[in-house]
C-alpha atoms as a PDB file:
ATOM      1  CA  MET A   1      49.432 -48.624  28.714  1.00  0.00           C
ATOM      2  CA  ILE A   2      52.625 -47.305  27.171  1.00  0.00           C
ATOM      3  CA  LEU A   3      52.396 -44.852  24.275  1.00  0.00           C
ATOM      4  CA  VAL A   4      54.786 -45.727  21.436  1.00  0.00           C
ATOM      5  CA  SER A   5      55.476 -43.831  18.219  1.00  0.00           C
ATOM      6  CA  ALA A   6      53.622 -45.736  15.530  1.00  0.00           C
ATOM      7  CA  CYS A   7      56.589 -45.502  13.141  1.00  0.00           C
ATOM      8  CA  LEU A   8      58.726 -47.468  15.622  1.00  0.00           C
ATOM      9  CA  LEU A   9      56.165 -50.258  15.527  1.00  0.00           C
ATOM     10  CA  GLY A  10      56.361 -50.525  11.747  1.00  0.00           C
ATOM     11  CA  HIS A  11      53.446 -48.286  10.774  1.00  0.00           C
ATOM     12  CA  LYS A  12      54.252 -46.409   7.575  1.00  0.00           C
ATOM     13  CA  VAL A  13      53.447 -42.938   8.911  1.00  0.00           C
ATOM     14  CA  LYS A  14      56.782 -41.157   8.464  1.00  0.00           C
ATOM     15  CA  TYR A  15      56.785 -37.982   6.408  1.00  0.00           C
ATOM     16  CA  ASN A  16      58.214 -39.943   3.445  1.00  0.00           C
ATOM     17  CA  GLY A  17      55.767 -42.841   3.772  1.00  0.00           C
ATOM     18  CA  GLY A  18      58.233 -45.130   5.516  1.00  0.00           C
ATOM     19  CA  SER A  19      58.643 -46.332   9.069  1.00  0.00           C
ATOM     20  CA  ASN A  20      61.391 -46.402  11.689  1.00  0.00           C
ATOM     21  CA  ASP A  21      61.110 -50.079  12.598  1.00  0.00           C
ATOM     22  CA  ASP A  22      62.520 -50.909  16.028  1.00  0.00           C
ATOM     23  CA  ALA A  23      62.996 -54.657  16.447  1.00  0.00           C
ATOM     24  CA  LEU A  24      62.930 -54.600  20.248  1.00  0.00           C
ATOM     25  CA  LEU A  25      59.713 -52.591  20.455  1.00  0.00           C
ATOM     26  CA  GLN A  26      58.086 -54.643  17.714  1.00  0.00           C
ATOM     27  CA  ALA A  27      58.988 -57.892  19.490  1.00  0.00           C
ATOM     28  CA  CYS A  28      57.404 -56.629  22.724  1.00  0.00           C
ATOM     29  CA  SER A  29      54.320 -55.136  21.079  1.00  0.00           C
ATOM     30  CA  ALA A  30      52.591 -58.509  21.102  1.00  0.00           C
ATOM     31  CA  ARG A  31      52.279 -58.247  24.896  1.00  0.00           C
ATOM     32  CA  GLY A  32      49.394 -55.833  24.444  1.00  0.00           C
ATOM     33  CA  ARG A  33      50.781 -52.978  26.555  1.00  0.00           C
ATOM     34  CA  PHE A  34      51.469 -50.492  23.729  1.00  0.00           C
ATOM     35  CA  VAL A  35      49.245 -47.863  22.160  1.00  0.00           C
ATOM     36  CA  ALA A  36      50.607 -46.781  18.754  1.00  0.00           C
ATOM     37  CA  VAL A  37      50.471 -42.996  18.335  1.00  0.00           C
ATOM     38  CA  CYS A  38      51.464 -40.513  15.643  1.00  0.00           C
ATOM     39  CA  PRO A  39      50.769 -36.862  16.469  1.00  0.00           C
ATOM     40  CA  GLU A  40      51.287 -35.776  12.878  1.00  0.00           C
ATOM     41  CA  CYS A  41      48.752 -38.303  11.584  1.00  0.00           C
ATOM     42  CA  PHE A  42      46.326 -37.399  14.376  1.00  0.00           C
ATOM     43  CA  ALA A  43      46.628 -33.799  13.126  1.00  0.00           C
ATOM     44  CA  MET A  44      45.443 -35.108   9.733  1.00  0.00           C
ATOM     45  CA  LEU A  45      48.721 -34.382   7.938  1.00  0.00           C
ATOM     46  CA  PRO A  46      49.061 -36.544   4.819  1.00  0.00           C
ATOM     47  CA  VAL A  47      51.494 -39.416   4.293  1.00  0.00           C
ATOM     48  CA  PRO A  48      53.756 -38.787   2.493  1.00  0.00           C
ATOM     49  CA  ARG A  49      54.302 -35.093   3.189  1.00  0.00           C
ATOM     50  CA  PRO A  50      57.218 -32.675   2.994  1.00  0.00           C
ATOM     51  CA  PRO A  51      59.606 -32.882   5.966  1.00  0.00           C
ATOM     52  CA  MET A  52      58.877 -30.491   8.809  1.00  0.00           C
ATOM     53  CA  GLU A  53      61.108 -28.825  11.404  1.00  0.00           C
ATOM     54  CA  ILE A  54      60.694 -26.402  14.295  1.00  0.00           C
ATOM     55  CA  GLN A  55      62.238 -22.994  13.639  1.00  0.00           C
ATOM     56  CA  TYR A  56      63.491 -20.645  16.366  1.00  0.00           C
ATOM     57  CA  GLY A  57      63.543 -23.243  19.113  1.00  0.00           C
ATOM     58  CA  THR A  58      62.203 -26.518  20.420  1.00  0.00           C
ATOM     59  CA  GLY A  59      58.862 -28.012  21.363  1.00  0.00           C
ATOM     60  CA  ARG A  60      58.793 -25.984  24.562  1.00  0.00           C
ATOM     61  CA  LYS A  61      59.135 -22.713  22.670  1.00  0.00           C
ATOM     62  CA  LEU A  62      56.502 -23.858  20.187  1.00  0.00           C
ATOM     63  CA  LEU A  63      54.072 -24.445  23.069  1.00  0.00           C
ATOM     64  CA  GLU A  64      54.928 -20.975  24.403  1.00  0.00           C
ATOM     65  CA  GLY A  65      54.258 -19.391  21.006  1.00  0.00           C
ATOM     66  CA  ARG A  66      57.911 -18.404  20.533  1.00  0.00           C
ATOM     67  CA  ALA A  67      58.732 -20.842  17.699  1.00  0.00           C
ATOM     68  CA  ARG A  68      56.965 -22.207  14.659  1.00  0.00           C
ATOM     69  CA  ALA A  69      56.854 -25.405  12.657  1.00  0.00           C
ATOM     70  CA  VAL A  70      57.295 -25.229   8.915  1.00  0.00           C
ATOM     71  CA  ASP A  71      57.673 -27.804   6.198  1.00  0.00           C
ATOM     72  CA  ALA A  72      60.374 -27.780   3.538  1.00  0.00           C
ATOM     73  CA  THR A  73      58.116 -25.777   1.222  1.00  0.00           C
ATOM     74  CA  GLY A  74      57.771 -23.001   3.827  1.00  0.00           C
ATOM     75  CA  ARG A  75      54.193 -23.862   4.829  1.00  0.00           C
ATOM     76  CA  ASP A  76      53.485 -23.001   8.474  1.00  0.00           C
ATOM     77  CA  LEU A  77      52.272 -26.136  10.260  1.00  0.00           C
ATOM     78  CA  THR A  78      52.473 -24.853  13.826  1.00  0.00           C
ATOM     79  CA  SER A  79      48.755 -25.308  14.480  1.00  0.00           C
ATOM     80  CA  SER A  80      48.902 -28.876  13.134  1.00  0.00           C
ATOM     81  CA  LEU A  81      51.809 -29.799  15.407  1.00  0.00           C
ATOM     82  CA  LEU A  82      50.015 -28.302  18.407  1.00  0.00           C
ATOM     83  CA  LEU A  83      46.801 -30.148  17.540  1.00  0.00           C
ATOM     84  CA  GLY A  84      48.633 -33.468  17.216  1.00  0.00           C
ATOM     85  CA  ALA A  85      50.335 -32.947  20.584  1.00  0.00           C
ATOM     86  CA  GLN A  86      46.980 -32.178  22.237  1.00  0.00           C
ATOM     87  CA  LYS A  87      45.466 -35.353  20.765  1.00  0.00           C
ATOM     88  CA  ILE A  88      48.351 -37.457  22.076  1.00  0.00           C
ATOM     89  CA  LEU A  89      47.857 -35.946  25.516  1.00  0.00           C
ATOM     90  CA  ARG A  90      44.138 -36.827  25.410  1.00  0.00           C
ATOM     91  CA  ILE A  91      45.021 -40.403  24.467  1.00  0.00           C
ATOM     92  CA  ALA A  92      47.531 -40.587  27.324  1.00  0.00           C
ATOM     93  CA  GLU A  93      44.873 -39.344  29.735  1.00  0.00           C
ATOM     94  CA  ALA A  94      42.242 -41.756  28.403  1.00  0.00           C
ATOM     95  CA  TYR A  95      44.580 -44.734  28.879  1.00  0.00           C
ATOM     96  CA  ARG A  96      46.043 -43.321  32.114  1.00  0.00           C
ATOM     97  CA  ALA A  97      49.466 -43.743  30.529  1.00  0.00           C
ATOM     98  CA  GLU A  98      52.472 -42.704  32.559  1.00  0.00           C
ATOM     99  CA  VAL A  99      55.179 -43.605  30.021  1.00  0.00           C
ATOM    100  CA  ALA A 100      55.809 -42.957  26.342  1.00  0.00           C
ATOM    101  CA  ILE A 101      58.529 -44.201  23.984  1.00  0.00           C
ATOM    102  CA  LEU A 102      58.803 -41.766  21.103  1.00  0.00           C
ATOM    103  CA  LYS A 103      60.937 -41.309  17.985  1.00  0.00           C
ATOM    104  CA  ASP A 104      63.935 -39.096  18.640  1.00  0.00           C
ATOM    105  CA  GLY A 105      64.605 -36.396  16.055  1.00  0.00           C
ATOM    106  CA  SER A 106      60.961 -35.777  15.175  1.00  0.00           C
ATOM    107  CA  PRO A 107      59.512 -32.257  15.569  1.00  0.00           C
ATOM    108  CA  SER A 108      56.605 -33.891  17.401  1.00  0.00           C
ATOM    109  CA  CYS A 109      58.162 -36.870  19.152  1.00  0.00           C
ATOM    110  CA  GLY A 110      61.837 -35.926  19.549  1.00  0.00           C
ATOM    111  CA  VAL A 111      63.014 -36.756  23.058  1.00  0.00           C
ATOM    112  CA  HIS A 112      66.660 -35.677  23.250  1.00  0.00           C
ATOM    113  CA  ARG A 113      67.314 -33.993  19.901  1.00  0.00           C
ATOM    114  CA  ILE A 114      65.349 -32.428  17.058  1.00  0.00           C
ATOM    115  CA  TYR A 115      66.359 -30.907  13.738  1.00  0.00           C
ATOM    116  CA  ASP A 116      67.386 -27.263  14.026  1.00  0.00           C
ATOM    117  CA  GLY A 117      64.840 -25.771  11.614  1.00  0.00           C
ATOM    118  CA  SER A 118      67.280 -25.058   8.783  1.00  0.00           C
ATOM    119  CA  PHE A 119      66.607 -28.286   6.826  1.00  0.00           C
ATOM    120  CA  SER A 120      70.382 -28.797   6.731  1.00  0.00           C
ATOM    121  CA  GLY A 121      70.357 -32.102   8.637  1.00  0.00           C
ATOM    122  CA  ARG A 122      71.768 -30.517  11.815  1.00  0.00           C
ATOM    123  CA  LYS A 123      70.221 -31.458  15.143  1.00  0.00           C
ATOM    124  CA  ILE A 124      70.012 -29.511  18.376  1.00  0.00           C
ATOM    125  CA  ARG A 125      69.422 -30.588  21.936  1.00  0.00           C
ATOM    126  CA  GLY A 126      65.727 -30.379  22.791  1.00  0.00           C
ATOM    127  CA  ALA A 127      62.371 -32.100  22.601  1.00  0.00           C
ATOM    128  CA  GLY A 128      59.549 -32.094  20.107  1.00  0.00           C
ATOM    129  CA  VAL A 129      56.208 -30.538  20.941  1.00  0.00           C
ATOM    130  CA  ALA A 130      54.291 -33.738  21.824  1.00  0.00           C
ATOM    131  CA  THR A 131      57.131 -34.916  24.065  1.00  0.00           C
ATOM    132  CA  GLU A 132      57.262 -31.563  25.812  1.00  0.00           C
ATOM    133  CA  LEU A 133      53.499 -31.485  26.380  1.00  0.00           C
ATOM    134  CA  LEU A 134      53.458 -35.045  27.758  1.00  0.00           C
ATOM    135  CA  ARG A 135      56.318 -34.197  30.125  1.00  0.00           C
ATOM    136  CA  GLN A 136      54.492 -31.078  31.308  1.00  0.00           C
ATOM    137  CA  HIS A 137      51.608 -33.362  32.263  1.00  0.00           C
ATOM    138  CA  GLY A 138      53.762 -35.800  34.221  1.00  0.00           C
ATOM    139  CA  LEU A 139      54.599 -38.534  31.744  1.00  0.00           C
ATOM    140  CA  THR A 140      58.068 -40.005  31.543  1.00  0.00           C
ATOM    141  CA  VAL A 141      59.185 -39.992  27.922  1.00  0.00           C
ATOM    142  CA  TYR A 142      61.951 -42.190  26.506  1.00  0.00           C
ATOM    143  CA  SER A 143      63.376 -42.412  23.003  1.00  0.00           C
ATOM    144  CA  GLU A 144      63.981 -45.659  21.205  1.00  0.00           C
ATOM    145  CA  PHE A 145      67.683 -45.131  21.942  1.00  0.00           C
ATOM    146  CA  ASP A 146      66.999 -45.283  25.693  1.00  0.00           C
ATOM    147  CA  MET A 147      65.491 -48.758  25.417  1.00  0.00           C
ATOM    148  CA  THR A 148      67.243 -51.957  26.357  1.00  0.00           C
ATOM    149  CA  GLU A 149      65.504 -55.268  26.717  1.00  0.00           C
ATOM    150  CA  ALA A 150      65.825 -55.017  30.516  1.00  0.00           C
ATOM    151  CA  ARG A 151      64.469 -51.460  30.704  1.00  0.00           C
ATOM    152  CA  LEU A 152      61.567 -52.276  28.408  1.00  0.00           C
ATOM    153  CA  GLN A 153      60.704 -55.370  30.438  1.00  0.00           C
ATOM    154  CA  GLN A 154      60.783 -53.256  33.611  1.00  0.00           C
ATOM    155  CA  LEU A 155      58.460 -50.635  32.078  1.00  0.00           C
ATOM    156  CA  ILE A 156      55.997 -53.311  30.980  1.00  0.00           C
ATOM    157  CA  GLU A 157      56.037 -54.965  34.416  1.00  0.00           C
ATOM    158  CA  GLU A 158      55.477 -51.594  36.121  1.00  0.00           C
ATOM    159  CA  ASP A 159      52.582 -50.891  33.766  1.00  0.00           C
ATOM    160  CA  ILE A 160      50.991 -54.249  34.564  1.00  0.00           C
ATOM    161  CA  ARG A 161      51.443 -53.582  38.299  1.00  0.00           C
ATOM    162  CA  ARG A 162      49.786 -50.138  38.009  1.00  0.00           C
ATOM    163  CA  ASP A 163      46.830 -51.691  36.192  1.00  0.00           C
ATOM    164  CA  SER A 164      46.369 -54.339  38.878  1.00  0.00           C
ATOM    165  CA  ILE A 165      46.409 -51.659  41.596  1.00  0.00           C
ATOM    166  CA  ARG A 166      43.801 -49.569  39.732  1.00  0.00           C
ATOM    167  CA  ASP A 167      41.449 -52.525  39.275  1.00  0.00           C
END
């Protein structure tokens, strides 16, 4: 199975109650190879909720205890972000997933860039905490911007092949 950020599949789980619909991923979701995940929802954060960013670093530093996650009101949500990342990892292990396609920019799911923690709209190079944890456990993580129809088809075919080998 391939883990996919639920917001990309049309689930209204974004901090503001919206989604980040991705037409390509939604069109391929009917093939039954995707598991919709949202670390922030799995951490029981409400929808909607104030926006959240990682301060003093990226997901890697958050995992190392050298950064923190706060929302726009100043509430420390570090433990929630860590809990959500751990739950995503458990789901990946349960499904024996090797690939994830996650929402870039998110403090949990960011793949290439995340917001810089200042709530100014600026982004920095780096990954969110769930992405970082999945990578540390051997998963390949893509963002929606990495996906083309050909690449997605290849990932699905590889996933089907892995399943047939396991069975």
